[in-house]
Amino acid sequence: MVETIGEAFNADWQLFARCVDGRVDLGHAALKCEWRYDLDMMTLVATRGRDFRWQASPAGCAVLDAATGASA
């Protein structure tokens, strides 16, 4: 199981941020959200360190997803 950015980098993963459940929760309403942003793995490793562990996001915030590489 991959737990750190360094392990994800070594496994050729691509991380991206997206809206939770494809929507933005405004409290009184939820709007459809198609926002997605590919994260640069080299920048994450360089700025956060290889041992950085990601955490679950609070409701309504962007979440991290991963697309595994060939060595997954």
Protein backbone atom coordinates (compact mmCIF):
# COMPACT_ATOMS: atom_id res chain seq x y z
CA MET A 1 0.00 0.00 0.00
CA VAL A 2 1.35 3.42 -0.99
CA GLU A 3 1.26 5.85 1.95
CA THR A 4 3.66 8.65 1.05
CA ILE A 5 4.28 10.95 -1.89
CA GLY A 6 7.73 9.40 -2.31
CA GLU A 7 6.25 5.90 -2.63
CA ALA A 8 3.66 7.19 -5.14
CA PHE A 9 6.44 8.90 -7.11
CA ASN A 10 8.51 5.69 -7.21
CA ALA A 11 5.45 3.73 -8.42
CA ASP A 12 4.86 6.22 -11.28
CA TRP A 13 1.53 7.37 -9.88
CA GLN A 14 -0.17 10.54 -11.13
CA LEU A 15 -2.04 12.47 -8.43
CA PHE A 16 -4.84 14.88 -9.12
CA ALA A 17 -7.15 17.03 -7.02
CA ARG A 18 -10.87 17.14 -7.69
CA CYS A 19 -14.13 18.19 -6.08
CA VAL A 20 -15.61 15.84 -3.50
CA ASP A 21 -18.21 13.58 -5.15
CA GLY A 22 -18.28 15.86 -8.19
CA ARG A 23 -19.97 18.69 -6.35
CA VAL A 24 -19.31 21.73 -4.19
CA ASP A 25 -21.29 21.82 -0.94
CA LEU A 26 -22.50 25.36 -0.15
CA GLY A 27 -24.38 24.32 2.97
CA HIS A 28 -27.84 25.17 1.62
CA ALA A 29 -27.21 23.69 -1.84
CA ALA A 30 -24.74 21.54 -3.72
CA LEU A 31 -23.52 22.60 -7.15
CA LYS A 32 -22.09 20.29 -9.79
CA CYS A 33 -18.34 20.62 -9.98
CA GLU A 34 -16.21 19.25 -12.79
CA TRP A 35 -12.96 20.87 -11.59
CA ARG A 36 -9.94 18.58 -11.72
CA TYR A 37 -6.25 19.48 -11.57
CA ASP A 38 -3.30 17.20 -12.30
CA LEU A 39 -0.62 17.61 -9.63
CA ASP A 40 3.07 17.65 -10.58
CA MET A 41 4.73 14.80 -8.67
CA MET A 42 8.25 16.24 -8.89
CA THR A 43 7.07 19.52 -7.35
CA LEU A 44 5.20 17.68 -4.58
CA VAL A 45 8.27 15.61 -3.70
CA ALA A 46 10.56 18.66 -3.84
CA THR A 47 8.33 20.93 -1.73
CA ARG A 48 6.75 18.46 0.69
CA GLY A 49 9.43 15.79 0.98
CA ARG A 50 9.36 12.11 0.08
CA ASP A 51 7.86 11.12 3.46
CA PHE A 52 4.84 13.46 3.23
CA ARG A 53 1.59 11.60 3.94
CA TRP A 54 -1.68 12.86 2.56
CA GLN A 55 -4.77 12.99 4.78
CA ALA A 56 -8.50 12.76 4.24
CA SER A 57 -10.10 16.05 3.23
CA PRO A 58 -12.94 17.66 5.17
CA ALA A 59 -16.38 17.62 3.52
CA GLY A 60 -16.75 20.07 0.66
CA CYS A 61 -13.01 20.35 -0.03
CA ALA A 62 -10.93 19.06 -2.90
CA VAL A 63 -9.73 15.49 -2.59
CA LEU A 64 -6.71 13.65 -3.95
CA ASP A 65 -7.08 10.74 -6.33
CA ALA A 66 -4.40 8.66 -7.92
CA ALA A 67 -3.94 6.98 -11.25
CA THR A 68 -1.40 4.20 -10.87
CA GLY A 69 1.49 3.75 -13.23
CA ALA A 70 2.68 0.63 -15.01
CA SER A 71 4.45 -0.65 -11.90
CA ALA A 72 1.32 -0.58 -9.71
